[in-house]
Amino acid sequence: MKILLIMVILLLVGGFLIISNENIRLNSWENILHFSNLYYNWLINSYDYSKGITGDVVNFFRPGK
């Protein structure tokens, strides 16, 4: 349950950072679509980076390098 809560908080903070850094006002459909595109790209990039980090950690601790 704690892990789920931490993940939700991280996703919300990521969304709020995108809104504040890009100075997006979510009062029009155009801005909502722009935010959705940025948020989707942020999620995909975060997933790709986590795959790379996980692979590096596994290779580091793998016996018989």
PDB file of N, CA and C in Angstrom:
ATOM      1  N   MET A   1       0.814  -1.191   0.000  1.00  0.00           N
ATOM      2  CA  MET A   1       0.000   0.000   0.000  1.00  0.00           C
ATOM      3  C   MET A   1       0.863   1.263   0.000  1.00  0.00           C
ATOM      4  N   LYS A   2       1.973   1.204   0.743  1.00  0.00           N
ATOM      5  CA  LYS A   2       2.856   2.370   0.797  1.00  0.00           C
ATOM      6  C   LYS A   2       3.508   2.626  -0.556  1.00  0.00           C
ATOM      7  N   ILE A   3       3.863   1.549  -1.246  1.00  0.00           N
ATOM      8  CA  ILE A   3       4.491   1.708  -2.559  1.00  0.00           C
ATOM      9  C   ILE A   3       3.519   2.341  -3.539  1.00  0.00           C
ATOM     10  N   LEU A   4       2.268   1.922  -3.499  1.00  0.00           N
ATOM     11  CA  LEU A   4       1.251   2.501  -4.374  1.00  0.00           C
ATOM     12  C   LEU A   4       1.069   3.987  -4.081  1.00  0.00           C
ATOM     13  N   LEU A   5       1.040   4.347  -2.817  1.00  0.00           N
ATOM     14  CA  LEU A   5       0.900   5.748  -2.425  1.00  0.00           C
ATOM     15  C   LEU A   5       2.097   6.577  -2.901  1.00  0.00           C
ATOM     16  N   ILE A   6       3.294   6.034  -2.769  1.00  0.00           N
ATOM     17  CA  ILE A   6       4.492   6.739  -3.229  1.00  0.00           C
ATOM     18  C   ILE A   6       4.453   6.927  -4.741  1.00  0.00           C
ATOM     19  N   MET A   7       4.009   5.903  -5.471  1.00  0.00           N
ATOM     20  CA  MET A   7       3.918   6.016  -6.931  1.00  0.00           C
ATOM     21  C   MET A   7       2.908   7.079  -7.344  1.00  0.00           C
ATOM     22  N   VAL A   8       1.766   7.125  -6.680  1.00  0.00           N
ATOM     23  CA  VAL A   8       0.749   8.130  -6.996  1.00  0.00           C
ATOM     24  C   VAL A   8       1.279   9.532  -6.708  1.00  0.00           C
ATOM     25  N   ILE A   9       1.961   9.693  -5.592  1.00  0.00           N
ATOM     26  CA  ILE A   9       2.524  11.002  -5.246  1.00  0.00           C
ATOM     27  C   ILE A   9       3.564  11.426  -6.280  1.00  0.00           C
ATOM     28  N   LEU A  10       4.428  10.499  -6.709  1.00  0.00           N
ATOM     29  CA  LEU A  10       5.430  10.833  -7.721  1.00  0.00           C
ATOM     30  C   LEU A  10       4.784  11.212  -9.048  1.00  0.00           C
ATOM     31  N   LEU A  11       3.720  10.522  -9.436  1.00  0.00           N
ATOM     32  CA  LEU A  11       3.025  10.861 -10.677  1.00  0.00           C
ATOM     33  C   LEU A  11       2.368  12.234 -10.584  1.00  0.00           C
ATOM     34  N   LEU A  12       1.777  12.537  -9.439  1.00  0.00           N
ATOM     35  CA  LEU A  12       1.168  13.854  -9.258  1.00  0.00           C
ATOM     36  C   LEU A  12       2.211  14.967  -9.257  1.00  0.00           C
ATOM     37  N   VAL A  13       3.308  14.747  -8.560  1.00  0.00           N
ATOM     38  CA  VAL A  13       4.372  15.754  -8.526  1.00  0.00           C
ATOM     39  C   VAL A  13       4.929  15.973  -9.928  1.00  0.00           C
ATOM     40  N   GLY A  14       5.099  14.895 -10.689  1.00  0.00           N
ATOM     41  CA  GLY A  14       5.563  15.027 -12.068  1.00  0.00           C
ATOM     42  C   GLY A  14       4.610  15.858 -12.905  1.00  0.00           C
ATOM     43  N   GLY A  15       3.316  15.616 -12.755  1.00  0.00           N
ATOM     44  CA  GLY A  15       2.326  16.407 -13.483  1.00  0.00           C
ATOM     45  C   GLY A  15       2.345  17.865 -13.078  1.00  0.00           C
ATOM     46  N   PHE A  16       2.453  18.120 -11.785  1.00  0.00           N
ATOM     47  CA  PHE A  16       2.498  19.509 -11.314  1.00  0.00           C
ATOM     48  C   PHE A  16       3.760  20.223 -11.793  1.00  0.00           C
ATOM     49  N   LEU A  17       4.885  19.498 -11.845  1.00  0.00           N
ATOM     50  CA  LEU A  17       6.119  20.109 -12.345  1.00  0.00           C
ATOM     51  C   LEU A  17       6.012  20.449 -13.828  1.00  0.00           C
ATOM     52  N   ILE A  18       5.373  19.579 -14.594  1.00  0.00           N
ATOM     53  CA  ILE A  18       5.172  19.873 -16.019  1.00  0.00           C
ATOM     54  C   ILE A  18       4.304  21.110 -16.177  1.00  0.00           C
ATOM     55  N   ILE A  19       3.237  21.192 -15.405  1.00  0.00           N
ATOM     56  CA  ILE A  19       2.340  22.349 -15.491  1.00  0.00           C
ATOM     57  C   ILE A  19       3.077  23.632 -15.125  1.00  0.00           C
ATOM     58  N   SER A  20       3.867  23.598 -14.050  1.00  0.00           N
ATOM     59  CA  SER A  20       4.538  24.825 -13.613  1.00  0.00           C
ATOM     60  C   SER A  20       5.715  25.192 -14.516  1.00  0.00           C
ATOM     61  N   ASN A  21       6.491  24.210 -14.963  1.00  0.00           N
ATOM     62  CA  ASN A  21       7.648  24.518 -15.809  1.00  0.00           C
ATOM     63  C   ASN A  21       7.245  25.002 -17.194  1.00  0.00           C
ATOM     64  N   GLU A  22       6.174  24.467 -17.726  1.00  0.00           N
ATOM     65  CA  GLU A  22       5.719  24.864 -19.060  1.00  0.00           C
ATOM     66  C   GLU A  22       4.725  26.025 -19.002  1.00  0.00           C
ATOM     67  N   ASN A  23       4.365  26.440 -17.793  1.00  0.00           N
ATOM     68  CA  ASN A  23       3.406  27.533 -17.592  1.00  0.00           C
ATOM     69  C   ASN A  23       2.099  27.264 -18.345  1.00  0.00           C
ATOM     70  N   ILE A  24       1.546  26.078 -18.104  1.00  0.00           N
ATOM     71  CA  ILE A  24       0.329  25.644 -18.786  1.00  0.00           C
ATOM     72  C   ILE A  24      -0.875  25.954 -17.908  1.00  0.00           C
ATOM     73  N   ARG A  25      -1.882  26.548 -18.505  1.00  0.00           N
ATOM     74  CA  ARG A  25      -3.156  26.764 -17.816  1.00  0.00           C
ATOM     75  C   ARG A  25      -4.148  25.763 -18.391  1.00  0.00           C
ATOM     76  N   LEU A  26      -4.712  24.948 -17.544  1.00  0.00           N
ATOM     77  CA  LEU A  26      -5.601  23.879 -17.991  1.00  0.00           C
ATOM     78  C   LEU A  26      -7.040  24.370 -18.111  1.00  0.00           C
ATOM     79  N   ASN A  27      -7.224  25.497 -18.760  1.00  0.00           N
ATOM     80  CA  ASN A  27      -8.569  26.046 -18.900  1.00  0.00           C
ATOM     81  C   ASN A  27      -9.099  25.933 -20.326  1.00  0.00           C
ATOM     82  N   SER A  28      -8.318  25.338 -21.227  1.00  0.00           N
ATOM     83  CA  SER A  28      -8.807  25.126 -22.592  1.00  0.00           C
ATOM     84  C   SER A  28      -8.416  23.724 -23.050  1.00  0.00           C
ATOM     85  N   TRP A  29      -9.179  23.228 -23.999  1.00  0.00           N
ATOM     86  CA  TRP A  29      -8.944  21.875 -24.497  1.00  0.00           C
ATOM     87  C   TRP A  29      -7.558  21.772 -25.146  1.00  0.00           C
ATOM     88  N   GLU A  30      -7.127  22.815 -25.814  1.00  0.00           N
ATOM     89  CA  GLU A  30      -5.816  22.837 -26.464  1.00  0.00           C
ATOM     90  C   GLU A  30      -4.691  22.678 -25.442  1.00  0.00           C
ATOM     91  N   ASN A  31      -4.790  23.376 -24.324  1.00  0.00           N
ATOM     92  CA  ASN A  31      -3.772  23.269 -23.274  1.00  0.00           C
ATOM     93  C   ASN A  31      -3.801  21.905 -22.594  1.00  0.00           C
ATOM     94  N   ILE A  32      -4.988  21.341 -22.435  1.00  0.00           N
ATOM     95  CA  ILE A  32      -5.099  20.010 -21.834  1.00  0.00           C
ATOM     96  C   ILE A  32      -4.436  18.976 -22.735  1.00  0.00           C
ATOM     97  N   LEU A  33      -4.634  19.084 -24.047  1.00  0.00           N
ATOM     98  CA  LEU A  33      -3.985  18.162 -24.979  1.00  0.00           C
ATOM     99  C   LEU A  33      -2.469  18.341 -24.970  1.00  0.00           C
ATOM    100  N   HIS A  34      -2.011  19.585 -24.876  1.00  0.00           N
ATOM    101  CA  HIS A  34      -0.569  19.854 -24.800  1.00  0.00           C
ATOM    102  C   HIS A  34       0.017  19.234 -23.531  1.00  0.00           C
ATOM    103  N   PHE A  35      -0.660  19.415 -22.408  1.00  0.00           N
ATOM    104  CA  PHE A  35      -0.209  18.815 -21.151  1.00  0.00           C
ATOM    105  C   PHE A  35      -0.207  17.293 -21.247  1.00  0.00           C
ATOM    106  N   SER A  36      -1.256  16.719 -21.826  1.00  0.00           N
ATOM    107  CA  SER A  36      -1.341  15.260 -21.951  1.00  0.00           C
ATOM    108  C   SER A  36      -0.182  14.713 -22.775  1.00  0.00           C
ATOM    109  N   ASN A  37       0.159  15.407 -23.843  1.00  0.00           N
ATOM    110  CA  ASN A  37       1.279  14.978 -24.675  1.00  0.00           C
ATOM    111  C   ASN A  37       2.597  15.044 -23.904  1.00  0.00           C
ATOM    112  N   LEU A  38       2.827  16.131 -23.194  1.00  0.00           N
ATOM    113  CA  LEU A  38       4.054  16.264 -22.402  1.00  0.00           C
ATOM    114  C   LEU A  38       4.119  15.218 -21.292  1.00  0.00           C
ATOM    115  N   TYR A  39       2.992  14.973 -20.624  1.00  0.00           N
ATOM    116  CA  TYR A  39       2.958  14.010 -19.526  1.00  0.00           C
ATOM    117  C   TYR A  39       3.199  12.595 -20.045  1.00  0.00           C
ATOM    118  N   TYR A  40       2.592  12.264 -21.183  1.00  0.00           N
ATOM    119  CA  TYR A  40       2.796  10.947 -21.781  1.00  0.00           C
ATOM    120  C   TYR A  40       4.269  10.750 -22.142  1.00  0.00           C
ATOM    121  N   ASN A  41       4.882  11.752 -22.754  1.00  0.00           N
ATOM    122  CA  ASN A  41       6.301  11.654 -23.099  1.00  0.00           C
ATOM    123  C   ASN A  41       7.171  11.532 -21.857  1.00  0.00           C
ATOM    124  N   TRP A  42       6.803  12.243 -20.801  1.00  0.00           N
ATOM    125  CA  TRP A  42       7.553  12.151 -19.545  1.00  0.00           C
ATOM    126  C   TRP A  42       7.459  10.733 -18.968  1.00  0.00           C
ATOM    127  N   LEU A  43       6.271  10.133 -19.005  1.00  0.00           N
ATOM    128  CA  LEU A  43       6.102   8.770 -18.505  1.00  0.00           C
ATOM    129  C   LEU A  43       6.922   7.772 -19.320  1.00  0.00           C
ATOM    130  N   ILE A  44       6.882   7.903 -20.637  1.00  0.00           N
ATOM    131  CA  ILE A  44       7.633   6.988 -21.496  1.00  0.00           C
ATOM    132  C   ILE A  44       9.133   7.130 -21.242  1.00  0.00           C
ATOM    133  N   ASN A  45       9.622   8.363 -21.136  1.00  0.00           N
ATOM    134  CA  ASN A  45      11.047   8.574 -20.866  1.00  0.00           C
ATOM    135  C   ASN A  45      11.439   8.043 -19.496  1.00  0.00           C
ATOM    136  N   SER A  46      10.585   8.223 -18.501  1.00  0.00           N
ATOM    137  CA  SER A  46      10.876   7.702 -17.163  1.00  0.00           C
ATOM    138  C   SER A  46      10.957   6.185 -17.186  1.00  0.00           C
ATOM    139  N   TYR A  47      10.072   5.554 -17.924  1.00  0.00           N
ATOM    140  CA  TYR A  47      10.087   4.092 -18.048  1.00  0.00           C
ATOM    141  C   TYR A  47      11.368   3.628 -18.739  1.00  0.00           C
ATOM    142  N   ASP A  48      11.747   4.305 -19.813  1.00  0.00           N
ATOM    143  CA  ASP A  48      12.972   3.931 -20.527  1.00  0.00           C
ATOM    144  C   ASP A  48      14.205   4.099 -19.644  1.00  0.00           C
ATOM    145  N   TYR A  49      14.278   5.194 -18.897  1.00  0.00           N
ATOM    146  CA  TYR A  49      15.414   5.402 -17.998  1.00  0.00           C
ATOM    147  C   TYR A  49      15.450   4.343 -16.898  1.00  0.00           C
ATOM    148  N   SER A  50      14.290   3.983 -16.359  1.00  0.00           N
ATOM    149  CA  SER A  50      14.269   2.973 -15.298  1.00  0.00           C
ATOM    150  C   SER A  50      14.679   1.607 -15.842  1.00  0.00           C
ATOM    151  N   LYS A  51      14.333   1.298 -17.093  1.00  0.00           N
ATOM    152  CA  LYS A  51      14.792   0.045 -17.702  1.00  0.00           C
ATOM    153  C   LYS A  51      16.309   0.035 -17.811  1.00  0.00           C
ATOM    154  N   GLY A  52      16.879   1.143 -18.236  1.00  0.00           N
ATOM    155  CA  GLY A  52      18.330   1.220 -18.367  1.00  0.00           C
ATOM    156  C   GLY A  52      19.038   1.094 -17.036  1.00  0.00           C
ATOM    157  N   ILE A  53      18.520   1.767 -16.032  1.00  0.00           N
ATOM    158  CA  ILE A  53      19.129   1.701 -14.698  1.00  0.00           C
ATOM    159  C   ILE A  53      19.021   0.297 -14.129  1.00  0.00           C
ATOM    160  N   THR A  54      17.860  -0.335 -14.298  1.00  0.00           N
ATOM    161  CA  THR A  54      17.676  -1.698 -13.799  1.00  0.00           C
ATOM    162  C   THR A  54      18.642  -2.655 -14.487  1.00  0.00           C
ATOM    163  N   GLY A  55      18.796  -2.517 -15.795  1.00  0.00           N
ATOM    164  CA  GLY A  55      19.742  -3.365 -16.515  1.00  0.00           C
ATOM    165  C   GLY A  55      21.171  -3.157 -16.052  1.00  0.00           C
ATOM    166  N   ASP A  56      21.552  -1.923 -15.803  1.00  0.00           N
ATOM    167  CA  ASP A  56      22.901  -1.638 -15.315  1.00  0.00           C
ATOM    168  C   ASP A  56      23.135  -2.241 -13.936  1.00  0.00           C
ATOM    169  N   VAL A  57      22.143  -2.157 -13.065  1.00  0.00           N
ATOM    170  CA  VAL A  57      22.280  -2.726 -11.715  1.00  0.00           C
ATOM    171  C   VAL A  57      22.384  -4.242 -11.787  1.00  0.00           C
ATOM    172  N   VAL A  58      21.560  -4.869 -12.625  1.00  0.00           N
ATOM    173  CA  VAL A  58      21.619  -6.327 -12.765  1.00  0.00           C
ATOM    174  C   VAL A  58      22.976  -6.748 -13.311  1.00  0.00           C
ATOM    175  N   ASN A  59      23.476  -6.050 -14.312  1.00  0.00           N
ATOM    176  CA  ASN A  59      24.790  -6.390 -14.870  1.00  0.00           C
ATOM    177  C   ASN A  59      25.909  -6.160 -13.863  1.00  0.00           C
ATOM    178  N   PHE A  60      25.769  -5.163 -13.024  1.00  0.00           N
ATOM    179  CA  PHE A  60      26.800  -4.877 -12.027  1.00  0.00           C
ATOM    180  C   PHE A  60      26.907  -5.997 -11.000  1.00  0.00           C
ATOM    181  N   PHE A  61      25.763  -6.534 -10.565  1.00  0.00           N
ATOM    182  CA  PHE A  61      25.768  -7.557  -9.523  1.00  0.00           C
ATOM    183  C   PHE A  61      25.753  -8.982 -10.072  1.00  0.00           C
ATOM    184  N   ARG A  62      25.799  -9.143 -11.379  1.00  0.00           N
ATOM    185  CA  ARG A  62      25.786 -10.478 -11.971  1.00  0.00           C
ATOM    186  C   ARG A  62      27.145 -11.132 -11.756  1.00  0.00           C
ATOM    187  N   PRO A  63      27.134 -12.377 -11.282  1.00  0.00           N
ATOM    188  CA  PRO A  63      28.419 -13.050 -11.062  1.00  0.00           C
ATOM    189  C   PRO A  63      29.060 -13.458 -12.395  1.00  0.00           C
ATOM    190  N   GLY A  64      30.360 -13.488 -12.419  1.00  0.00           N
ATOM    191  CA  GLY A  64      31.098 -13.938 -13.594  1.00  0.00           C
ATOM    192  C   GLY A  64      31.116 -12.943 -14.728  1.00  0.00           C
ATOM    193  N   LYS A  65      31.300 -11.676 -14.390  1.00  0.00           N
ATOM    194  CA  LYS A  65      31.330 -10.642 -15.438  1.00  0.00           C
ATOM    195  C   LYS A  65      32.450 -10.869 -16.387  1.00  0.00           C
TER     196      LYS A  65
END
